[in-house]
Amino acid sequence: MSNAEKTRPSRRDALLGDRQGSYAIARGVRMSASKVRRVVDVVRGMDVTAALDTLKFAPQAAAEPVSKVIASAAANAEQTENLRAEQLYVSQAFVDEGMTMRRIRPRAKGSASRILKRSSHITVVVEAKEA
């Protein structure tokens, strides 16, 4: 089989298709996916400016990396699609599990227990609002 026969669709085609918008991905964020999902669920479907304002005052530690990804996706849309941040909303936002680092904690009688340091990948897609 040649490479032309087994090509995958590009990430942009998979996330957006032919719609106007952009996306951003943060990989290897040193936070567990379940903690980041709590924050992402709050901002999904919101306008970009409202989502950034909400995350600025959110008490969770995961609010900072999520707001950076949303701001990056909005900046990508402004650069590539000539859209303004006021026209955008968070159409998709999801969190996948990243690499898990395994560490050892010494325990009694020469044994050890495992510490799992989890990470996550944050993906945010912003699209233009329908006129």
N, C-alpha and C. Protein backbone atom coordinates (compact mmCIF):
# COMPACT_ATOMS: atom_id res chain seq x y z
N MET A 1 0.84 -1.18 0.00
CA MET A 1 0.00 0.00 0.00
C MET A 1 0.88 1.24 0.00
N SER A 2 0.51 2.20 -0.77
CA SER A 2 1.26 3.44 -0.80
C SER A 2 0.77 4.36 0.32
N ASN A 3 1.52 5.42 0.56
CA ASN A 3 1.14 6.35 1.61
C ASN A 3 -0.15 7.09 1.28
N ALA A 4 -0.44 7.28 0.01
CA ALA A 4 -1.65 8.01 -0.38
C ALA A 4 -2.91 7.23 -0.03
N GLU A 5 -2.82 5.92 0.04
CA GLU A 5 -4.02 5.12 0.31
C GLU A 5 -4.36 5.05 1.78
N LYS A 6 -3.38 5.21 2.67
CA LYS A 6 -3.65 5.06 4.09
C LYS A 6 -3.42 6.34 4.89
N THR A 7 -3.67 7.48 4.28
CA THR A 7 -3.50 8.73 5.01
C THR A 7 -4.70 8.97 5.92
N ARG A 8 -4.41 9.57 7.06
CA ARG A 8 -5.47 9.92 8.00
C ARG A 8 -5.91 11.35 7.71
N PRO A 9 -7.13 11.69 8.11
CA PRO A 9 -7.54 13.09 7.96
C PRO A 9 -6.71 13.96 8.89
N SER A 10 -6.51 15.21 8.51
CA SER A 10 -5.74 16.10 9.36
C SER A 10 -6.52 16.36 10.65
N ARG A 11 -5.80 16.82 11.67
CA ARG A 11 -6.44 17.09 12.95
C ARG A 11 -7.50 18.18 12.79
N ARG A 12 -7.22 19.19 11.96
CA ARG A 12 -8.19 20.26 11.75
C ARG A 12 -9.46 19.73 11.11
N ASP A 13 -9.32 18.83 10.12
CA ASP A 13 -10.51 18.26 9.49
C ASP A 13 -11.30 17.42 10.48
N ALA A 14 -10.61 16.72 11.35
CA ALA A 14 -11.30 15.89 12.33
C ALA A 14 -12.04 16.73 13.36
N LEU A 15 -11.47 17.87 13.77
CA LEU A 15 -12.08 18.68 14.81
C LEU A 15 -13.09 19.69 14.27
N LEU A 16 -12.79 20.31 13.13
CA LEU A 16 -13.62 21.41 12.64
C LEU A 16 -14.33 21.13 11.34
N GLY A 17 -13.76 20.30 10.48
CA GLY A 17 -14.34 20.11 9.16
C GLY A 17 -14.11 21.36 8.33
N ASP A 18 -15.18 21.86 7.69
CA ASP A 18 -15.02 23.07 6.87
C ASP A 18 -15.56 24.31 7.57
N ARG A 19 -15.85 24.22 8.87
CA ARG A 19 -16.37 25.36 9.63
C ARG A 19 -15.23 26.31 9.98
N GLN A 20 -15.59 27.59 10.21
CA GLN A 20 -14.60 28.59 10.60
C GLN A 20 -14.28 28.43 12.07
N GLY A 21 -13.02 28.50 12.40
CA GLY A 21 -12.59 28.40 13.78
C GLY A 21 -11.18 27.88 13.86
N SER A 22 -10.75 27.58 15.06
CA SER A 22 -9.41 27.08 15.25
C SER A 22 -9.38 26.24 16.52
N TYR A 23 -8.21 25.67 16.81
CA TYR A 23 -8.07 24.83 17.99
C TYR A 23 -6.69 25.01 18.59
N ALA A 24 -6.55 24.54 19.83
CA ALA A 24 -5.26 24.54 20.50
C ALA A 24 -5.19 23.32 21.40
N ILE A 25 -3.99 22.76 21.56
CA ILE A 25 -3.79 21.57 22.36
C ILE A 25 -2.62 21.83 23.31
N ALA A 26 -2.82 21.51 24.58
CA ALA A 26 -1.73 21.54 25.56
C ALA A 26 -1.45 20.10 25.95
N ARG A 27 -0.24 19.66 25.73
CA ARG A 27 0.11 18.27 26.01
C ARG A 27 0.98 18.19 27.26
N GLY A 28 0.78 17.12 28.01
CA GLY A 28 1.63 16.85 29.16
C GLY A 28 1.43 17.81 30.33
N VAL A 29 0.23 18.33 30.51
CA VAL A 29 -0.05 19.21 31.64
C VAL A 29 -0.01 18.36 32.90
N ARG A 30 0.80 18.76 33.88
CA ARG A 30 1.03 17.92 35.06
C ARG A 30 -0.12 18.04 36.06
N MET A 31 -1.27 17.52 35.65
CA MET A 31 -2.46 17.51 36.47
C MET A 31 -3.31 16.33 36.02
N SER A 32 -3.99 15.70 36.92
CA SER A 32 -4.77 14.54 36.51
C SER A 32 -5.95 14.98 35.65
N ALA A 33 -6.33 14.11 34.74
CA ALA A 33 -7.39 14.44 33.78
C ALA A 33 -8.72 14.67 34.47
N SER A 34 -8.99 13.95 35.54
CA SER A 34 -10.28 14.12 36.22
C SER A 34 -10.40 15.51 36.86
N LYS A 35 -9.29 16.05 37.36
CA LYS A 35 -9.33 17.39 37.95
C LYS A 35 -9.52 18.46 36.87
N VAL A 36 -8.89 18.26 35.72
CA VAL A 36 -9.01 19.24 34.64
C VAL A 36 -10.40 19.17 34.01
N ARG A 37 -10.98 17.99 33.95
CA ARG A 37 -12.32 17.83 33.35
C ARG A 37 -13.37 18.62 34.12
N ARG A 38 -13.21 18.74 35.44
CA ARG A 38 -14.16 19.53 36.24
C ARG A 38 -14.21 20.97 35.75
N VAL A 39 -13.05 21.53 35.41
CA VAL A 39 -12.97 22.92 34.96
C VAL A 39 -13.45 23.05 33.52
N VAL A 40 -13.07 22.10 32.67
CA VAL A 40 -13.44 22.16 31.26
C VAL A 40 -14.95 22.05 31.08
N ASP A 41 -15.61 21.27 31.93
CA ASP A 41 -17.06 21.11 31.82
C ASP A 41 -17.79 22.42 32.08
N VAL A 42 -17.18 23.30 32.88
CA VAL A 42 -17.82 24.58 33.20
C VAL A 42 -17.82 25.51 31.98
N VAL A 43 -16.72 25.54 31.21
CA VAL A 43 -16.58 26.53 30.15
C VAL A 43 -17.03 26.04 28.78
N ARG A 44 -17.33 24.77 28.63
CA ARG A 44 -17.75 24.26 27.32
C ARG A 44 -19.05 24.92 26.90
N GLY A 45 -19.06 25.50 25.69
CA GLY A 45 -20.25 26.15 25.16
C GLY A 45 -20.32 27.64 25.45
N MET A 46 -19.42 28.17 26.27
CA MET A 46 -19.44 29.59 26.62
C MET A 46 -18.74 30.42 25.54
N ASP A 47 -19.02 31.72 25.54
CA ASP A 47 -18.24 32.64 24.72
C ASP A 47 -16.81 32.67 25.24
N VAL A 48 -15.86 32.97 24.36
CA VAL A 48 -14.45 32.94 24.76
C VAL A 48 -14.17 33.98 25.84
N THR A 49 -14.69 35.20 25.69
CA THR A 49 -14.42 36.23 26.69
C THR A 49 -15.05 35.88 28.03
N ALA A 50 -16.25 35.32 28.01
CA ALA A 50 -16.91 34.92 29.26
C ALA A 50 -16.18 33.75 29.90
N ALA A 51 -15.68 32.82 29.09
CA ALA A 51 -14.94 31.67 29.62
C ALA A 51 -13.64 32.12 30.29
N LEU A 52 -12.93 33.06 29.65
CA LEU A 52 -11.68 33.55 30.24
C LEU A 52 -11.95 34.31 31.53
N ASP A 53 -13.04 35.09 31.59
CA ASP A 53 -13.38 35.80 32.82
C ASP A 53 -13.77 34.82 33.93
N THR A 54 -14.49 33.77 33.58
CA THR A 54 -14.88 32.76 34.57
C THR A 54 -13.66 32.05 35.12
N LEU A 55 -12.74 31.69 34.25
CA LEU A 55 -11.56 30.95 34.69
C LEU A 55 -10.61 31.81 35.51
N LYS A 56 -10.64 33.12 35.27
CA LYS A 56 -9.76 34.01 36.03
C LYS A 56 -10.06 33.94 37.53
N PHE A 57 -11.33 33.74 37.87
CA PHE A 57 -11.73 33.73 39.28
C PHE A 57 -12.08 32.34 39.79
N ALA A 58 -11.82 31.30 39.02
CA ALA A 58 -12.11 29.94 39.47
C ALA A 58 -11.07 29.51 40.50
N PRO A 59 -11.49 28.85 41.58
CA PRO A 59 -10.53 28.48 42.64
C PRO A 59 -9.66 27.27 42.28
N GLN A 60 -10.04 26.49 41.28
CA GLN A 60 -9.28 25.28 40.96
C GLN A 60 -7.95 25.63 40.33
N ALA A 61 -6.94 24.82 40.61
CA ALA A 61 -5.61 25.03 40.03
C ALA A 61 -5.61 24.76 38.53
N ALA A 62 -6.53 23.93 38.06
CA ALA A 62 -6.59 23.58 36.64
C ALA A 62 -7.13 24.72 35.79
N ALA A 63 -7.64 25.78 36.41
CA ALA A 63 -8.20 26.89 35.65
C ALA A 63 -7.13 27.62 34.86
N GLU A 64 -5.90 27.68 35.36
CA GLU A 64 -4.83 28.41 34.68
C GLU A 64 -4.44 27.76 33.35
N PRO A 65 -4.11 26.45 33.31
CA PRO A 65 -3.77 25.87 32.01
C PRO A 65 -4.94 25.85 31.03
N VAL A 66 -6.16 25.69 31.53
CA VAL A 66 -7.32 25.68 30.63
C VAL A 66 -7.52 27.06 30.02
N SER A 67 -7.33 28.12 30.82
CA SER A 67 -7.48 29.47 30.27
C SER A 67 -6.39 29.77 29.25
N LYS A 68 -5.18 29.26 29.48
CA LYS A 68 -4.11 29.46 28.50
C LYS A 68 -4.43 28.78 27.17
N VAL A 69 -5.03 27.59 27.23
CA VAL A 69 -5.37 26.88 25.99
C VAL A 69 -6.49 27.61 25.26
N ILE A 70 -7.48 28.11 25.99
CA ILE A 70 -8.57 28.84 25.35
C ILE A 70 -8.05 30.13 24.71
N ALA A 71 -7.17 30.84 25.41
CA ALA A 71 -6.59 32.05 24.85
C ALA A 71 -5.75 31.75 23.61
N SER A 72 -5.04 30.63 23.63
CA SER A 72 -4.24 30.24 22.48
C SER A 72 -5.12 29.89 21.29
N ALA A 73 -6.21 29.17 21.53
CA ALA A 73 -7.12 28.82 20.44
C ALA A 73 -7.75 30.08 19.84
N ALA A 74 -8.10 31.04 20.69
CA ALA A 74 -8.67 32.29 20.20
C ALA A 74 -7.64 33.07 19.38
N ALA A 75 -6.39 33.09 19.84
CA ALA A 75 -5.34 33.78 19.09
C ALA A 75 -5.07 33.09 17.76
N ASN A 76 -5.13 31.76 17.73
CA ASN A 76 -4.98 31.03 16.47
C ASN A 76 -6.08 31.39 15.49
N ALA A 77 -7.31 31.53 15.99
CA ALA A 77 -8.44 31.88 15.13
C ALA A 77 -8.29 33.31 14.60
N GLU A 78 -7.76 34.20 15.44
CA GLU A 78 -7.56 35.57 14.99
C GLU A 78 -6.49 35.64 13.91
N GLN A 79 -5.45 34.84 14.04
CA GLN A 79 -4.35 34.87 13.07
C GLN A 79 -4.72 34.19 11.75
N THR A 80 -5.31 33.00 11.84
CA THR A 80 -5.52 32.22 10.63
C THR A 80 -6.84 32.52 9.93
N GLU A 81 -7.90 32.77 10.70
CA GLU A 81 -9.23 32.94 10.12
C GLU A 81 -9.71 34.39 10.12
N ASN A 82 -8.92 35.30 10.67
CA ASN A 82 -9.30 36.72 10.79
C ASN A 82 -10.62 36.89 11.54
N LEU A 83 -10.79 36.16 12.63
CA LEU A 83 -11.97 36.28 13.49
C LEU A 83 -11.60 37.04 14.75
N ARG A 84 -12.55 37.76 15.32
CA ARG A 84 -12.30 38.47 16.58
C ARG A 84 -12.73 37.59 17.74
N ALA A 85 -12.14 37.81 18.90
CA ALA A 85 -12.43 36.98 20.08
C ALA A 85 -13.89 37.12 20.50
N GLU A 86 -14.50 38.28 20.22
CA GLU A 86 -15.91 38.49 20.60
C GLU A 86 -16.85 37.62 19.76
N GLN A 87 -16.38 37.17 18.59
CA GLN A 87 -17.21 36.35 17.71
C GLN A 87 -17.12 34.86 18.03
N LEU A 88 -16.22 34.47 18.92
CA LEU A 88 -15.92 33.05 19.12
C LEU A 88 -16.59 32.49 20.36
N TYR A 89 -16.86 31.18 20.30
CA TYR A 89 -17.31 30.45 21.48
C TYR A 89 -16.59 29.11 21.53
N VAL A 90 -16.56 28.50 22.71
CA VAL A 90 -15.88 27.23 22.91
C VAL A 90 -16.84 26.13 22.46
N SER A 91 -16.62 25.60 21.26
CA SER A 91 -17.54 24.60 20.73
C SER A 91 -17.22 23.20 21.24
N GLN A 92 -15.94 22.89 21.36
CA GLN A 92 -15.53 21.59 21.90
C GLN A 92 -14.39 21.82 22.88
N ALA A 93 -14.40 21.05 23.94
CA ALA A 93 -13.30 21.07 24.90
C ALA A 93 -13.28 19.71 25.57
N PHE A 94 -12.14 19.05 25.48
CA PHE A 94 -12.04 17.74 26.12
C PHE A 94 -10.64 17.51 26.64
N VAL A 95 -10.54 16.57 27.57
CA VAL A 95 -9.28 16.27 28.25
C VAL A 95 -9.02 14.78 28.14
N ASP A 96 -7.82 14.43 27.67
CA ASP A 96 -7.39 13.04 27.57
C ASP A 96 -6.28 12.80 28.58
N GLU A 97 -6.13 11.55 28.97
CA GLU A 97 -5.05 11.20 29.89
C GLU A 97 -3.73 11.22 29.16
N GLY A 98 -2.72 11.75 29.83
CA GLY A 98 -1.38 11.78 29.27
C GLY A 98 -0.54 10.68 29.88
N MET A 99 0.77 10.89 29.87
CA MET A 99 1.69 9.93 30.42
C MET A 99 1.59 9.90 31.95
N THR A 100 1.77 8.74 32.54
CA THR A 100 1.78 8.61 33.99
C THR A 100 3.19 8.26 34.45
N MET A 101 3.77 9.13 35.25
CA MET A 101 5.09 8.85 35.81
C MET A 101 4.91 8.01 37.07
N ARG A 102 5.70 6.99 37.22
CA ARG A 102 5.60 6.11 38.38
C ARG A 102 6.79 6.37 39.30
N ARG A 103 6.48 6.67 40.55
CA ARG A 103 7.50 6.91 41.57
C ARG A 103 7.28 5.94 42.71
N ILE A 104 8.29 5.79 43.56
CA ILE A 104 8.21 4.81 44.65
C ILE A 104 8.30 5.53 45.99
N ARG A 105 7.43 5.12 46.90
CA ARG A 105 7.43 5.63 48.27
C ARG A 105 7.86 4.50 49.19
N PRO A 106 8.93 4.67 49.94
CA PRO A 106 9.36 3.61 50.86
C PRO A 106 8.33 3.37 51.96
N ARG A 107 8.11 2.11 52.29
CA ARG A 107 7.15 1.73 53.33
C ARG A 107 7.86 0.85 54.37
N ALA A 108 7.09 0.38 55.28
CA ALA A 108 7.64 -0.41 56.38
C ALA A 108 8.15 -1.77 55.90
N LYS A 109 9.12 -2.32 56.63
CA LYS A 109 9.67 -3.66 56.40
C LYS A 109 10.28 -3.82 55.02
N GLY A 110 10.88 -2.77 54.51
CA GLY A 110 11.58 -2.86 53.24
C GLY A 110 10.70 -2.90 52.01
N SER A 111 9.43 -2.69 52.16
CA SER A 111 8.55 -2.71 50.99
C SER A 111 8.42 -1.30 50.43
N ALA A 112 7.67 -1.17 49.36
CA ALA A 112 7.48 0.13 48.73
C ALA A 112 6.09 0.17 48.12
N SER A 113 5.54 1.37 48.05
CA SER A 113 4.26 1.56 47.36
C SER A 113 4.49 2.52 46.20
N ARG A 114 3.63 2.45 45.24
CA ARG A 114 3.80 3.21 44.02
C ARG A 114 3.02 4.51 44.09
N ILE A 115 3.64 5.59 43.64
CA ILE A 115 2.98 6.88 43.50
C ILE A 115 2.80 7.13 42.01
N LEU A 116 1.58 7.46 41.60
CA LEU A 116 1.29 7.73 40.20
C LEU A 116 1.15 9.23 40.01
N LYS A 117 2.05 9.81 39.23
CA LYS A 117 1.99 11.24 38.92
C LYS A 117 1.41 11.37 37.53
N ARG A 118 0.15 11.73 37.48
CA ARG A 118 -0.58 11.73 36.23
C ARG A 118 -0.45 13.05 35.48
N SER A 119 -0.64 12.98 34.17
CA SER A 119 -0.66 14.19 33.34
C SER A 119 -1.84 14.09 32.38
N SER A 120 -2.09 15.17 31.65
CA SER A 120 -3.25 15.19 30.77
C SER A 120 -2.97 16.04 29.54
N HIS A 121 -3.79 15.83 28.51
CA HIS A 121 -3.75 16.62 27.29
C HIS A 121 -5.07 17.37 27.19
N ILE A 122 -5.00 18.69 27.05
CA ILE A 122 -6.20 19.53 26.98
C ILE A 122 -6.37 20.01 25.54
N THR A 123 -7.55 19.78 24.96
CA THR A 123 -7.86 20.22 23.60
C THR A 123 -9.08 21.14 23.65
N VAL A 124 -8.95 22.31 23.02
CA VAL A 124 -10.05 23.27 22.97
C VAL A 124 -10.26 23.70 21.53
N VAL A 125 -11.51 23.67 21.07
CA VAL A 125 -11.88 24.11 19.72
C VAL A 125 -12.80 25.31 19.86
N VAL A 126 -12.44 26.41 19.19
CA VAL A 126 -13.31 27.60 19.19
C VAL A 126 -13.83 27.81 17.77
N GLU A 127 -15.11 28.21 17.69
CA GLU A 127 -15.74 28.44 16.38
C GLU A 127 -16.44 29.79 16.43
N ALA A 128 -16.73 30.29 15.23
CA ALA A 128 -17.47 31.55 15.11
C ALA A 128 -18.95 31.29 15.42
N LYS A 129 -19.57 32.25 16.10
CA LYS A 129 -21.01 32.13 16.38
C LYS A 129 -21.77 32.28 15.08
N GLU A 130 -22.90 31.62 15.02
CA GLU A 130 -23.76 31.76 13.85
C GLU A 130 -24.38 33.14 13.82
N ALA A 131 -24.39 33.76 12.66
CA ALA A 131 -24.90 35.13 12.54
C ALA A 131 -26.42 35.16 12.62
